[in-house]
Amino acid sequence: MKLLTRLRDEFSSQIIAHTTGSTISKVQRNAKVASALLSKATKVSASTKN
């Protein structure tokens, strides 16, 4: 019985770690996209001012 509990705890912690990891990578990807859009917008606004 203790073995099953330990396996379940290990499994759930791995799932949590996996979910957290994929969430972090999604956030990092979104941040890259956002910064790329921001730099494009900055370039466009700079070119329209001149």
N, C-alpha and C. Protein backbone atom coordinates (compact mmCIF):
# COMPACT_ATOMS: atom_id res chain seq x y z
N MET A 1 0.83 -1.20 0.00
CA MET A 1 0.00 0.00 0.00
C MET A 1 0.87 1.26 0.00
N LYS A 2 1.94 1.24 0.80
CA LYS A 2 2.83 2.40 0.83
C LYS A 2 3.49 2.61 -0.53
N LEU A 3 3.79 1.51 -1.21
CA LEU A 3 4.42 1.61 -2.53
C LEU A 3 3.49 2.33 -3.51
N LEU A 4 2.22 1.97 -3.47
CA LEU A 4 1.25 2.62 -4.36
C LEU A 4 1.16 4.12 -4.07
N THR A 5 1.15 4.46 -2.80
CA THR A 5 1.08 5.88 -2.43
C THR A 5 2.31 6.61 -2.93
N ARG A 6 3.48 5.98 -2.79
CA ARG A 6 4.71 6.62 -3.23
C ARG A 6 4.72 6.78 -4.75
N LEU A 7 4.25 5.75 -5.45
CA LEU A 7 4.18 5.83 -6.91
C LEU A 7 3.23 6.95 -7.34
N ARG A 8 2.09 7.03 -6.66
CA ARG A 8 1.12 8.06 -7.02
C ARG A 8 1.70 9.45 -6.79
N ASP A 9 2.38 9.64 -5.66
CA ASP A 9 2.99 10.94 -5.37
C ASP A 9 4.04 11.29 -6.41
N GLU A 10 4.87 10.32 -6.75
CA GLU A 10 5.92 10.55 -7.74
C GLU A 10 5.31 10.90 -9.09
N PHE A 11 4.27 10.17 -9.46
CA PHE A 11 3.61 10.39 -10.75
C PHE A 11 2.99 11.77 -10.80
N SER A 12 2.29 12.16 -9.75
CA SER A 12 1.63 13.46 -9.75
C SER A 12 2.66 14.59 -9.73
N SER A 13 3.78 14.40 -9.05
CA SER A 13 4.79 15.45 -9.06
C SER A 13 5.43 15.58 -10.43
N GLN A 14 5.58 14.46 -11.14
CA GLN A 14 6.12 14.52 -12.50
C GLN A 14 5.14 15.22 -13.44
N ILE A 15 3.85 14.96 -13.27
CA ILE A 15 2.84 15.62 -14.09
C ILE A 15 2.87 17.12 -13.84
N ILE A 16 2.97 17.50 -12.56
CA ILE A 16 3.02 18.93 -12.21
C ILE A 16 4.25 19.57 -12.83
N ALA A 17 5.39 18.89 -12.74
CA ALA A 17 6.63 19.43 -13.30
C ALA A 17 6.51 19.58 -14.81
N HIS A 18 5.91 18.60 -15.46
CA HIS A 18 5.75 18.65 -16.92
C HIS A 18 4.83 19.80 -17.31
N THR A 19 3.72 19.93 -16.60
CA THR A 19 2.77 21.00 -16.90
C THR A 19 3.40 22.36 -16.68
N THR A 20 4.14 22.49 -15.58
CA THR A 20 4.80 23.76 -15.29
C THR A 20 5.83 24.07 -16.36
N GLY A 21 6.58 23.07 -16.78
CA GLY A 21 7.59 23.27 -17.82
C GLY A 21 6.98 23.72 -19.13
N SER A 22 5.88 23.11 -19.53
CA SER A 22 5.26 23.50 -20.80
C SER A 22 4.64 24.88 -20.69
N THR A 23 4.11 25.21 -19.51
CA THR A 23 3.56 26.56 -19.32
C THR A 23 4.66 27.60 -19.42
N ILE A 24 5.81 27.32 -18.80
CA ILE A 24 6.93 28.26 -18.85
C ILE A 24 7.40 28.44 -20.29
N SER A 25 7.49 27.35 -21.04
CA SER A 25 7.96 27.48 -22.43
C SER A 25 6.95 28.24 -23.28
N LYS A 26 5.65 28.06 -22.99
CA LYS A 26 4.63 28.83 -23.71
C LYS A 26 4.79 30.32 -23.42
N VAL A 27 5.00 30.64 -22.15
CA VAL A 27 5.16 32.05 -21.76
C VAL A 27 6.38 32.64 -22.44
N GLN A 28 7.48 31.86 -22.47
CA GLN A 28 8.70 32.36 -23.11
C GLN A 28 8.47 32.58 -24.60
N ARG A 29 7.75 31.64 -25.25
CA ARG A 29 7.45 31.80 -26.68
C ARG A 29 6.60 33.04 -26.91
N ASN A 30 5.59 33.23 -26.07
CA ASN A 30 4.72 34.40 -26.21
C ASN A 30 5.51 35.68 -25.99
N ALA A 31 6.46 35.66 -25.06
CA ALA A 31 7.28 36.84 -24.81
C ALA A 31 8.15 37.16 -26.02
N LYS A 32 8.68 36.12 -26.67
CA LYS A 32 9.49 36.33 -27.87
C LYS A 32 8.64 36.96 -28.97
N VAL A 33 7.44 36.44 -29.16
CA VAL A 33 6.54 36.97 -30.19
C VAL A 33 6.17 38.42 -29.86
N ALA A 34 5.87 38.67 -28.61
CA ALA A 34 5.49 40.02 -28.20
C ALA A 34 6.64 41.00 -28.41
N SER A 35 7.86 40.60 -28.08
CA SER A 35 8.99 41.52 -28.25
C SER A 35 9.27 41.75 -29.73
N ALA A 36 9.07 40.72 -30.56
CA ALA A 36 9.25 40.90 -32.00
C ALA A 36 8.22 41.88 -32.56
N LEU A 37 6.97 41.73 -32.13
CA LEU A 37 5.92 42.65 -32.57
C LEU A 37 6.21 44.07 -32.09
N LEU A 38 6.70 44.17 -30.86
CA LEU A 38 6.99 45.48 -30.30
C LEU A 38 8.10 46.17 -31.07
N SER A 39 9.14 45.42 -31.43
CA SER A 39 10.24 46.03 -32.17
C SER A 39 9.79 46.43 -33.57
N LYS A 40 8.90 45.63 -34.18
CA LYS A 40 8.35 46.00 -35.49
C LYS A 40 7.54 47.29 -35.37
N ALA A 41 6.71 47.36 -34.34
CA ALA A 41 5.88 48.55 -34.14
C ALA A 41 6.74 49.78 -33.90
N THR A 42 7.83 49.61 -33.16
CA THR A 42 8.72 50.73 -32.88
C THR A 42 9.38 51.20 -34.17
N LYS A 43 9.80 50.25 -35.01
CA LYS A 43 10.42 50.62 -36.28
C LYS A 43 9.43 51.35 -37.18
N VAL A 44 8.19 50.87 -37.22
CA VAL A 44 7.17 51.48 -38.06
C VAL A 44 6.88 52.90 -37.58
N SER A 45 6.73 53.08 -36.27
CA SER A 45 6.43 54.41 -35.75
C SER A 45 7.61 55.35 -35.96
N ALA A 46 8.82 54.84 -35.89
CA ALA A 46 10.01 55.67 -36.13
C ALA A 46 10.07 56.09 -37.59
N SER A 47 9.69 55.20 -38.50
CA SER A 47 9.76 55.53 -39.93
C SER A 47 8.64 56.49 -40.33
N THR A 48 7.50 56.43 -39.64
CA THR A 48 6.41 57.34 -39.98
C THR A 48 6.68 58.74 -39.44
N LYS A 49 7.45 58.86 -38.38
CA LYS A 49 7.78 60.18 -37.83
C LYS A 49 8.71 60.94 -38.76
N ASN A 50 9.62 60.24 -39.42
CA ASN A 50 10.62 60.91 -40.27
C ASN A 50 10.08 61.38 -41.59
